[in-house]
Amino acid sequence: MNNGNETSYEKTHEPVRKCIGCGKIKSKKDMVRIMKTHDTNEIIVMPSSNCFGRSSYLCYNKECLNQAIKKKRLQKTLKKDIPISILKYLESILQ
């Protein structure tokens, strides 16, 4: 029942996430998801939405990745050391 008090937020809600590199809040679809899976503790990049686990998000920007590496934010948010192969892969897909 619409009594005229419905906000535009309810009509156009889109999930947003905070970049661990620059701290900007952006749409979830405009970011890279790095995740540690719940069951195997494996680190994966851009997992499907049906995966469960601890996640971090980065803008599609190499500077954000560099900041996250420099300040060890990936390790802190995922609570695990990040393999070099994952870091190299992230560098290759970020602009």
PDB file of N, CA and C in Angstrom:
ATOM      1  N   MET A   1       0.837  -1.175   0.000  1.00  0.00           N
ATOM      2  CA  MET A   1       0.000   0.000   0.000  1.00  0.00           C
ATOM      3  C   MET A   1       0.885   1.243   0.000  1.00  0.00           C
ATOM      4  N   ASN A   2       0.691   2.078  -0.974  1.00  0.00           N
ATOM      5  CA  ASN A   2       1.486   3.289  -1.096  1.00  0.00           C
ATOM      6  C   ASN A   2       0.687   4.467  -0.583  1.00  0.00           C
ATOM      7  N   ASN A   3       1.145   5.073   0.501  1.00  0.00           N
ATOM      8  CA  ASN A   3       0.449   6.222   1.063  1.00  0.00           C
ATOM      9  C   ASN A   3       1.138   7.538   0.706  1.00  0.00           C
ATOM     10  N   GLY A   4       2.013   7.505  -0.270  1.00  0.00           N
ATOM     11  CA  GLY A   4       2.704   8.716  -0.701  1.00  0.00           C
ATOM     12  C   GLY A   4       3.983   8.987   0.062  1.00  0.00           C
ATOM     13  N   ASN A   5       4.306   8.172   1.048  1.00  0.00           N
ATOM     14  CA  ASN A   5       5.515   8.380   1.843  1.00  0.00           C
ATOM     15  C   ASN A   5       6.676   7.508   1.386  1.00  0.00           C
ATOM     16  N   GLU A   6       6.507   6.789   0.306  1.00  0.00           N
ATOM     17  CA  GLU A   6       7.561   5.899  -0.193  1.00  0.00           C
ATOM     18  C   GLU A   6       8.724   6.737  -0.711  1.00  0.00           C
ATOM     19  N   THR A   7       9.925   6.411  -0.302  1.00  0.00           N
ATOM     20  CA  THR A   7      11.095   7.178  -0.721  1.00  0.00           C
ATOM     21  C   THR A   7      11.676   6.617  -2.005  1.00  0.00           C
ATOM     22  N   SER A   8      12.478   7.428  -2.670  1.00  0.00           N
ATOM     23  CA  SER A   8      13.125   6.974  -3.896  1.00  0.00           C
ATOM     24  C   SER A   8      14.146   5.882  -3.589  1.00  0.00           C
ATOM     25  N   TYR A   9      14.685   5.856  -2.347  1.00  0.00           N
ATOM     26  CA  TYR A   9      15.633   4.824  -1.940  1.00  0.00           C
ATOM     27  C   TYR A   9      15.004   3.440  -2.085  1.00  0.00           C
ATOM     28  N   GLU A  10      13.760   3.303  -1.667  1.00  0.00           N
ATOM     29  CA  GLU A  10      13.092   2.009  -1.733  1.00  0.00           C
ATOM     30  C   GLU A  10      12.880   1.561  -3.170  1.00  0.00           C
ATOM     31  N   LYS A  11      12.744   2.503  -4.078  1.00  0.00           N
ATOM     32  CA  LYS A  11      12.499   2.174  -5.477  1.00  0.00           C
ATOM     33  C   LYS A  11      13.791   1.824  -6.223  1.00  0.00           C
ATOM     34  N   THR A  12      14.903   2.468  -5.855  1.00  0.00           N
ATOM     35  CA  THR A  12      16.130   2.327  -6.637  1.00  0.00           C
ATOM     36  C   THR A  12      17.300   1.806  -5.812  1.00  0.00           C
ATOM     37  N   HIS A  13      17.038   1.056  -4.772  1.00  0.00           N
ATOM     38  CA  HIS A  13      18.135   0.570  -3.924  1.00  0.00           C
ATOM     39  C   HIS A  13      19.095  -0.303  -4.710  1.00  0.00           C
ATOM     40  N   GLU A  14      20.367   0.028  -4.592  1.00  0.00           N
ATOM     41  CA  GLU A  14      21.427  -0.738  -5.233  1.00  0.00           C
ATOM     42  C   GLU A  14      22.512  -0.958  -4.184  1.00  0.00           C
ATOM     43  N   PRO A  15      23.019  -2.181  -4.045  1.00  0.00           N
ATOM     44  CA  PRO A  15      24.047  -2.427  -3.025  1.00  0.00           C
ATOM     45  C   PRO A  15      25.302  -1.595  -3.271  1.00  0.00           C
ATOM     46  N   VAL A  16      25.836  -1.026  -2.208  1.00  0.00           N
ATOM     47  CA  VAL A  16      27.075  -0.250  -2.301  1.00  0.00           C
ATOM     48  C   VAL A  16      28.108  -0.859  -1.358  1.00  0.00           C
ATOM     49  N   ARG A  17      29.378  -0.669  -1.707  1.00  0.00           N
ATOM     50  CA  ARG A  17      30.483  -1.181  -0.907  1.00  0.00           C
ATOM     51  C   ARG A  17      31.568  -0.117  -0.840  1.00  0.00           C
ATOM     52  N   LYS A  18      32.436  -0.239   0.164  1.00  0.00           N
ATOM     53  CA  LYS A  18      33.532   0.710   0.360  1.00  0.00           C
ATOM     54  C   LYS A  18      34.830   0.089  -0.139  1.00  0.00           C
ATOM     55  N   CYS A  19      35.572   0.839  -0.935  1.00  0.00           N
ATOM     56  CA  CYS A  19      36.866   0.392  -1.444  1.00  0.00           C
ATOM     57  C   CYS A  19      37.875   0.399  -0.298  1.00  0.00           C
ATOM     58  N   ILE A  20      38.625  -0.693  -0.160  1.00  0.00           N
ATOM     59  CA  ILE A  20      39.615  -0.760   0.913  1.00  0.00           C
ATOM     60  C   ILE A  20      40.889   0.008   0.557  1.00  0.00           C
ATOM     61  N   GLY A  21      41.003   0.467  -0.688  1.00  0.00           N
ATOM     62  CA  GLY A  21      42.163   1.249  -1.102  1.00  0.00           C
ATOM     63  C   GLY A  21      41.968   2.730  -0.868  1.00  0.00           C
ATOM     64  N   CYS A  22      40.920   3.302  -1.480  1.00  0.00           N
ATOM     65  CA  CYS A  22      40.703   4.752  -1.400  1.00  0.00           C
ATOM     66  C   CYS A  22      39.622   5.139  -0.400  1.00  0.00           C
ATOM     67  N   GLY A  23      38.791   4.201  -0.003  1.00  0.00           N
ATOM     68  CA  GLY A  23      37.747   4.492   0.976  1.00  0.00           C
ATOM     69  C   GLY A  23      36.465   5.043   0.378  1.00  0.00           C
ATOM     70  N   LYS A  24      36.400   5.165  -0.953  1.00  0.00           N
ATOM     71  CA  LYS A  24      35.194   5.690  -1.584  1.00  0.00           C
ATOM     72  C   LYS A  24      34.097   4.627  -1.590  1.00  0.00           C
ATOM     73  N   ILE A  25      32.871   5.081  -1.474  1.00  0.00           N
ATOM     74  CA  ILE A  25      31.726   4.183  -1.522  1.00  0.00           C
ATOM     75  C   ILE A  25      31.164   4.216  -2.936  1.00  0.00           C
ATOM     76  N   LYS A  26      31.062   3.030  -3.529  1.00  0.00           N
ATOM     77  CA  LYS A  26      30.589   2.904  -4.908  1.00  0.00           C
ATOM     78  C   LYS A  26      29.614   1.746  -5.010  1.00  0.00           C
ATOM     79  N   SER A  27      28.993   1.649  -6.159  1.00  0.00           N
ATOM     80  CA  SER A  27      28.096   0.540  -6.437  1.00  0.00           C
ATOM     81  C   SER A  27      28.883  -0.768  -6.420  1.00  0.00           C
ATOM     82  N   LYS A  28      28.279  -1.799  -5.880  1.00  0.00           N
ATOM     83  CA  LYS A  28      28.928  -3.111  -5.777  1.00  0.00           C
ATOM     84  C   LYS A  28      29.361  -3.625  -7.146  1.00  0.00           C
ATOM     85  N   LYS A  29      28.558  -3.346  -8.173  1.00  0.00           N
ATOM     86  CA  LYS A  29      28.873  -3.853  -9.515  1.00  0.00           C
ATOM     87  C   LYS A  29      30.059  -3.136 -10.162  1.00  0.00           C
ATOM     88  N   ASP A  30      30.460  -1.990  -9.610  1.00  0.00           N
ATOM     89  CA  ASP A  30      31.586  -1.222 -10.146  1.00  0.00           C
ATOM     90  C   ASP A  30      32.897  -1.534  -9.433  1.00  0.00           C
ATOM     91  N   MET A  31      32.931  -2.623  -8.670  1.00  0.00           N
ATOM     92  CA  MET A  31      34.115  -2.954  -7.889  1.00  0.00           C
ATOM     93  C   MET A  31      34.518  -4.415  -8.079  1.00  0.00           C
ATOM     94  N   VAL A  32      35.761  -4.704  -7.748  1.00  0.00           N
ATOM     95  CA  VAL A  32      36.287  -6.062  -7.786  1.00  0.00           C
ATOM     96  C   VAL A  32      36.103  -6.670  -6.399  1.00  0.00           C
ATOM     97  N   ARG A  33      35.579  -7.876  -6.345  1.00  0.00           N
ATOM     98  CA  ARG A  33      35.384  -8.554  -5.066  1.00  0.00           C
ATOM     99  C   ARG A  33      36.494  -9.574  -4.866  1.00  0.00           C
ATOM    100  N   ILE A  34      37.166  -9.475  -3.724  1.00  0.00           N
ATOM    101  CA  ILE A  34      38.191 -10.440  -3.334  1.00  0.00           C
ATOM    102  C   ILE A  34      37.643 -11.136  -2.097  1.00  0.00           C
ATOM    103  N   MET A  35      37.624 -12.460  -2.129  1.00  0.00           N
ATOM    104  CA  MET A  35      36.930 -13.176  -1.075  1.00  0.00           C
ATOM    105  C   MET A  35      37.725 -14.355  -0.548  1.00  0.00           C
ATOM    106  N   LYS A  36      37.591 -14.596   0.752  1.00  0.00           N
ATOM    107  CA  LYS A  36      38.130 -15.802   1.380  1.00  0.00           C
ATOM    108  C   LYS A  36      36.922 -16.704   1.635  1.00  0.00           C
ATOM    109  N   THR A  37      36.921 -17.865   1.006  1.00  0.00           N
ATOM    110  CA  THR A  37      35.770 -18.750   1.134  1.00  0.00           C
ATOM    111  C   THR A  37      35.641 -19.269   2.553  1.00  0.00           C
ATOM    112  N   HIS A  38      34.410 -19.473   2.945  1.00  0.00           N
ATOM    113  CA  HIS A  38      34.099 -19.903   4.307  1.00  0.00           C
ATOM    114  C   HIS A  38      34.594 -21.322   4.586  1.00  0.00           C
ATOM    115  N   ASP A  39      34.407 -22.215   3.631  1.00  0.00           N
ATOM    116  CA  ASP A  39      34.703 -23.634   3.874  1.00  0.00           C
ATOM    117  C   ASP A  39      36.167 -24.012   3.670  1.00  0.00           C
ATOM    118  N   THR A  40      36.844 -23.429   2.678  1.00  0.00           N
ATOM    119  CA  THR A  40      38.215 -23.845   2.366  1.00  0.00           C
ATOM    120  C   THR A  40      39.277 -22.789   2.688  1.00  0.00           C
ATOM    121  N   ASN A  41      38.850 -21.571   3.051  1.00  0.00           N
ATOM    122  CA  ASN A  41      39.767 -20.449   3.305  1.00  0.00           C
ATOM    123  C   ASN A  41      40.601 -20.082   2.082  1.00  0.00           C
ATOM    124  N   GLU A  42      40.131 -20.439   0.907  1.00  0.00           N
ATOM    125  CA  GLU A  42      40.809 -20.115  -0.345  1.00  0.00           C
ATOM    126  C   GLU A  42      40.481 -18.668  -0.723  1.00  0.00           C
ATOM    127  N   ILE A  43      41.457 -17.949  -1.276  1.00  0.00           N
ATOM    128  CA  ILE A  43      41.250 -16.581  -1.747  1.00  0.00           C
ATOM    129  C   ILE A  43      40.870 -16.641  -3.217  1.00  0.00           C
ATOM    130  N   ILE A  44      39.740 -16.025  -3.557  1.00  0.00           N
ATOM    131  CA  ILE A  44      39.306 -15.977  -4.955  1.00  0.00           C
ATOM    132  C   ILE A  44      38.914 -14.545  -5.310  1.00  0.00           C
ATOM    133  N   VAL A  45      39.084 -14.216  -6.593  1.00  0.00           N
ATOM    134  CA  VAL A  45      38.762 -12.891  -7.101  1.00  0.00           C
ATOM    135  C   VAL A  45      37.506 -12.992  -7.945  1.00  0.00           C
ATOM    136  N   MET A  46      36.572 -12.079  -7.710  1.00  0.00           N
ATOM    137  CA  MET A  46      35.295 -12.022  -8.412  1.00  0.00           C
ATOM    138  C   MET A  46      34.518 -13.336  -8.337  1.00  0.00           C
ATOM    139  N   PRO A  47      34.229 -13.814  -7.142  1.00  0.00           N
ATOM    140  CA  PRO A  47      33.445 -15.048  -7.023  1.00  0.00           C
ATOM    141  C   PRO A  47      31.997 -14.806  -7.411  1.00  0.00           C
ATOM    142  N   SER A  48      31.297 -15.889  -7.715  1.00  0.00           N
ATOM    143  CA  SER A  48      29.881 -15.761  -8.027  1.00  0.00           C
ATOM    144  C   SER A  48      29.133 -15.333  -6.775  1.00  0.00           C
ATOM    145  N   SER A  49      27.968 -14.787  -6.964  1.00  0.00           N
ATOM    146  CA  SER A  49      27.223 -14.231  -5.836  1.00  0.00           C
ATOM    147  C   SER A  49      26.723 -15.293  -4.867  1.00  0.00           C
ATOM    148  N   ASN A  50      26.780 -16.559  -5.253  1.00  0.00           N
ATOM    149  CA  ASN A  50      26.296 -17.604  -4.351  1.00  0.00           C
ATOM    150  C   ASN A  50      27.404 -18.175  -3.463  1.00  0.00           C
ATOM    151  N   CYS A  51      28.595 -17.565  -3.496  1.00  0.00           N
ATOM    152  CA  CYS A  51      29.687 -17.975  -2.613  1.00  0.00           C
ATOM    153  C   CYS A  51      29.575 -17.223  -1.290  1.00  0.00           C
ATOM    154  N   PHE A  52      29.869 -17.920  -0.206  1.00  0.00           N
ATOM    155  CA  PHE A  52      29.809 -17.298   1.107  1.00  0.00           C
ATOM    156  C   PHE A  52      31.211 -17.182   1.685  1.00  0.00           C
ATOM    157  N   GLY A  53      31.473 -16.079   2.353  1.00  0.00           N
ATOM    158  CA  GLY A  53      32.763 -15.896   2.989  1.00  0.00           C
ATOM    159  C   GLY A  53      33.028 -14.437   3.268  1.00  0.00           C
ATOM    160  N   ARG A  54      34.223 -14.156   3.719  1.00  0.00           N
ATOM    161  CA  ARG A  54      34.659 -12.795   4.062  1.00  0.00           C
ATOM    162  C   ARG A  54      35.137 -12.113   2.784  1.00  0.00           C
ATOM    163  N   SER A  55      34.644 -10.905   2.523  1.00  0.00           N
ATOM    164  CA  SER A  55      34.966 -10.219   1.268  1.00  0.00           C
ATOM    165  C   SER A  55      35.548  -8.835   1.491  1.00  0.00           C
ATOM    166  N   SER A  56      36.334  -8.408   0.497  1.00  0.00           N
ATOM    167  CA  SER A  56      36.852  -7.048   0.405  1.00  0.00           C
ATOM    168  C   SER A  56      36.575  -6.567  -1.005  1.00  0.00           C
ATOM    169  N   TYR A  57      36.467  -5.265  -1.154  1.00  0.00           N
ATOM    170  CA  TYR A  57      36.186  -4.693  -2.469  1.00  0.00           C
ATOM    171  C   TYR A  57      37.207  -3.638  -2.820  1.00  0.00           C
ATOM    172  N   LEU A  58      37.570  -3.589  -4.119  1.00  0.00           N
ATOM    173  CA  LEU A  58      38.500  -2.588  -4.653  1.00  0.00           C
ATOM    174  C   LEU A  58      37.889  -1.939  -5.879  1.00  0.00           C
ATOM    175  N   CYS A  59      38.171  -0.639  -6.068  1.00  0.00           N
ATOM    176  CA  CYS A  59      37.813   0.035  -7.313  1.00  0.00           C
ATOM    177  C   CYS A  59      38.643  -0.583  -8.443  1.00  0.00           C
ATOM    178  N   TYR A  60      38.201  -0.398  -9.667  1.00  0.00           N
ATOM    179  CA  TYR A  60      38.988  -0.843 -10.816  1.00  0.00           C
ATOM    180  C   TYR A  60      40.096   0.188 -11.064  1.00  0.00           C
ATOM    181  N   ASN A  61      41.064   0.248 -10.146  1.00  0.00           N
ATOM    182  CA  ASN A  61      42.101   1.259 -10.182  1.00  0.00           C
ATOM    183  C   ASN A  61      43.359   0.679  -9.519  1.00  0.00           C
ATOM    184  N   LYS A  62      44.482   0.721 -10.220  1.00  0.00           N
ATOM    185  CA  LYS A  62      45.718   0.162  -9.656  1.00  0.00           C
ATOM    186  C   LYS A  62      46.178   0.916  -8.413  1.00  0.00           C
ATOM    187  N   GLU A  63      45.904   2.207  -8.346  1.00  0.00           N
ATOM    188  CA  GLU A  63      46.311   2.992  -7.176  1.00  0.00           C
ATOM    189  C   GLU A  63      45.601   2.496  -5.914  1.00  0.00           C
ATOM    190  N   CYS A  64      44.348   2.096  -6.047  1.00  0.00           N
ATOM    191  CA  CYS A  64      43.615   1.544  -4.895  1.00  0.00           C
ATOM    192  C   CYS A  64      44.257   0.228  -4.446  1.00  0.00           C
ATOM    193  N   LEU A  65      44.650  -0.599  -5.395  1.00  0.00           N
ATOM    194  CA  LEU A  65      45.333  -1.849  -5.064  1.00  0.00           C
ATOM    195  C   LEU A  65      46.654  -1.558  -4.369  1.00  0.00           C
ATOM    196  N   ASN A  66      47.414  -0.587  -4.893  1.00  0.00           N
ATOM    197  CA  ASN A  66      48.698  -0.243  -4.281  1.00  0.00           C
ATOM    198  C   ASN A  66      48.523   0.241  -2.843  1.00  0.00           C
ATOM    199  N   GLN A  67      47.499   1.049  -2.593  1.00  0.00           N
ATOM    200  CA  GLN A  67      47.225   1.525  -1.233  1.00  0.00           C
ATOM    201  C   GLN A  67      46.844   0.360  -0.315  1.00  0.00           C
ATOM    202  N   ALA A  68      46.013  -0.542  -0.831  1.00  0.00           N
ATOM    203  CA  ALA A  68      45.582  -1.697  -0.036  1.00  0.00           C
ATOM    204  C   ALA A  68      46.767  -2.596   0.316  1.00  0.00           C
ATOM    205  N   ILE A  69      47.709  -2.762  -0.625  1.00  0.00           N
ATOM    206  CA  ILE A  69      48.897  -3.581  -0.374  1.00  0.00           C
ATOM    207  C   ILE A  69      49.821  -2.869   0.618  1.00  0.00           C
ATOM    208  N   LYS A  70      50.041  -1.587   0.388  1.00  0.00           N
ATOM    209  CA  LYS A  70      50.954  -0.810   1.222  1.00  0.00           C
ATOM    210  C   LYS A  70      50.516  -0.803   2.688  1.00  0.00           C
ATOM    211  N   LYS A  71      49.239  -0.678   2.915  1.00  0.00           N
ATOM    212  CA  LYS A  71      48.727  -0.602   4.285  1.00  0.00           C
ATOM    213  C   LYS A  71      48.204  -1.944   4.800  1.00  0.00           C
ATOM    214  N   LYS A  72      48.454  -3.011   4.022  1.00  0.00           N
ATOM    215  CA  LYS A  72      48.074  -4.380   4.391  1.00  0.00           C
ATOM    216  C   LYS A  72      46.585  -4.522   4.694  1.00  0.00           C
ATOM    217  N   ARG A  73      45.767  -3.808   3.947  1.00  0.00           N
ATOM    218  CA  ARG A  73      44.327  -3.844   4.182  1.00  0.00           C
ATOM    219  C   ARG A  73      43.684  -5.142   3.714  1.00  0.00           C
ATOM    220  N   LEU A  74      44.209  -5.719   2.636  1.00  0.00           N
ATOM    221  CA  LEU A  74      43.659  -7.012   2.185  1.00  0.00           C
ATOM    222  C   LEU A  74      43.865  -8.081   3.251  1.00  0.00           C
ATOM    223  N   GLN A  75      45.066  -8.144   3.792  1.00  0.00           N
ATOM    224  CA  GLN A  75      45.361  -9.130   4.832  1.00  0.00           C
ATOM    225  C   GLN A  75      44.493  -8.907   6.065  1.00  0.00           C
ATOM    226  N   LYS A  76      44.295  -7.646   6.436  1.00  0.00           N
ATOM    227  CA  LYS A  76      43.516  -7.335   7.627  1.00  0.00           C
ATOM    228  C   LYS A  76      42.042  -7.674   7.441  1.00  0.00           C
ATOM    229  N   THR A  77      41.478  -7.302   6.305  1.00  0.00           N
ATOM    230  CA  THR A  77      40.043  -7.537   6.110  1.00  0.00           C
ATOM    231  C   THR A  77      39.721  -9.007   5.867  1.00  0.00           C
ATOM    232  N   LEU A  78      40.615  -9.715   5.183  1.00  0.00           N
ATOM    233  CA  LEU A  78      40.361 -11.131   4.904  1.00  0.00           C
ATOM    234  C   LEU A  78      40.926 -12.040   5.996  1.00  0.00           C
ATOM    235  N   LYS A  79      41.719 -11.460   6.891  1.00  0.00           N
ATOM    236  CA  LYS A  79      42.332 -12.207   7.996  1.00  0.00           C
ATOM    237  C   LYS A  79      43.151 -13.398   7.495  1.00  0.00           C
ATOM    238  N   LYS A  80      43.928 -13.136   6.427  1.00  0.00           N
ATOM    239  CA  LYS A  80      44.764 -14.178   5.828  1.00  0.00           C
ATOM    240  C   LYS A  80      45.808 -13.505   4.944  1.00  0.00           C
ATOM    241  N   ASP A  81      46.993 -14.109   4.846  1.00  0.00           N
ATOM    242  CA  ASP A  81      48.004 -13.609   3.915  1.00  0.00           C
ATOM    243  C   ASP A  81      47.531 -13.834   2.485  1.00  0.00           C
ATOM    244  N   ILE A  82      47.824 -12.875   1.637  1.00  0.00           N
ATOM    245  CA  ILE A  82      47.380 -12.930   0.246  1.00  0.00           C
ATOM    246  C   ILE A  82      48.523 -13.474  -0.613  1.00  0.00           C
ATOM    247  N   PRO A  83      48.284 -14.560  -1.352  1.00  0.00           N
ATOM    248  CA  PRO A  83      49.343 -15.114  -2.217  1.00  0.00           C
ATOM    249  C   PRO A  83      49.765 -14.125  -3.302  1.00  0.00           C
ATOM    250  N   ILE A  84      51.031 -14.176  -3.669  1.00  0.00           N
ATOM    251  CA  ILE A  84      51.582 -13.313  -4.727  1.00  0.00           C
ATOM    252  C   ILE A  84      50.799 -13.509  -6.020  1.00  0.00           C
ATOM    253  N   SER A  85      50.394 -14.727  -6.318  1.00  0.00           N
ATOM    254  CA  SER A  85      49.663 -15.001  -7.569  1.00  0.00           C
ATOM    255  C   SER A  85      48.347 -14.215  -7.620  1.00  0.00           C
ATOM    256  N   ILE A  86      47.672 -14.056  -6.487  1.00  0.00           N
ATOM    257  CA  ILE A  86      46.425 -13.289  -6.442  1.00  0.00           C
ATOM    258  C   ILE A  86      46.719 -11.806  -6.673  1.00  0.00           C
ATOM    259  N   LEU A  87      47.789 -11.293  -6.063  1.00  0.00           N
ATOM    260  CA  LEU A  87      48.158  -9.895  -6.248  1.00  0.00           C
ATOM    261  C   LEU A  87      48.525  -9.605  -7.702  1.00  0.00           C
ATOM    262  N   LYS A  88      49.262 -10.520  -8.318  1.00  0.00           N
ATOM    263  CA  LYS A  88      49.627 -10.367  -9.740  1.00  0.00           C
ATOM    264  C   LYS A  88      48.382 -10.376 -10.615  1.00  0.00           C
ATOM    265  N   TYR A  89      47.445 -11.271 -10.314  1.00  0.00           N
ATOM    266  CA  TYR A  89      46.198 -11.343 -11.079  1.00  0.00           C
ATOM    267  C   TYR A  89      45.410 -10.036 -10.937  1.00  0.00           C
ATOM    268  N   LEU A  90      45.331  -9.510  -9.717  1.00  0.00           N
ATOM    269  CA  LEU A  90      44.619  -8.244  -9.506  1.00  0.00           C
ATOM    270  C   LEU A  90      45.269  -7.122 -10.289  1.00  0.00           C
ATOM    271  N   GLU A  91      46.594  -7.073 -10.300  1.00  0.00           N
ATOM    272  CA  GLU A  91      47.291  -6.041 -11.078  1.00  0.00           C
ATOM    273  C   GLU A  91      46.962  -6.144 -12.569  1.00  0.00           C
ATOM    274  N   SER A  92      46.824  -7.367 -13.049  1.00  0.00           N
ATOM    275  CA  SER A  92      46.556  -7.557 -14.474  1.00  0.00           C
ATOM    276  C   SER A  92      45.133  -7.147 -14.885  1.00  0.00           C
ATOM    277  N   ILE A  93      44.168  -7.257 -13.977  1.00  0.00           N
ATOM    278  CA  ILE A  93      42.794  -6.915 -14.359  1.00  0.00           C
ATOM    279  C   ILE A  93      42.416  -5.469 -14.034  1.00  0.00           C
ATOM    280  N   LEU A  94      43.206  -4.809 -13.179  1.00  0.00           N
ATOM    281  CA  LEU A  94      42.905  -3.423 -12.848  1.00  0.00           C
ATOM    282  C   LEU A  94      43.555  -2.473 -13.857  1.00  0.00           C
ATOM    283  N   GLN A  95      42.901  -1.371 -14.117  1.00  0.00           N
ATOM    284  CA  GLN A  95      43.369  -0.421 -15.141  1.00  0.00           C
ATOM    285  C   GLN A  95      44.451   0.488 -14.610  1.00  0.00           C
TER     286      GLN A  95
END
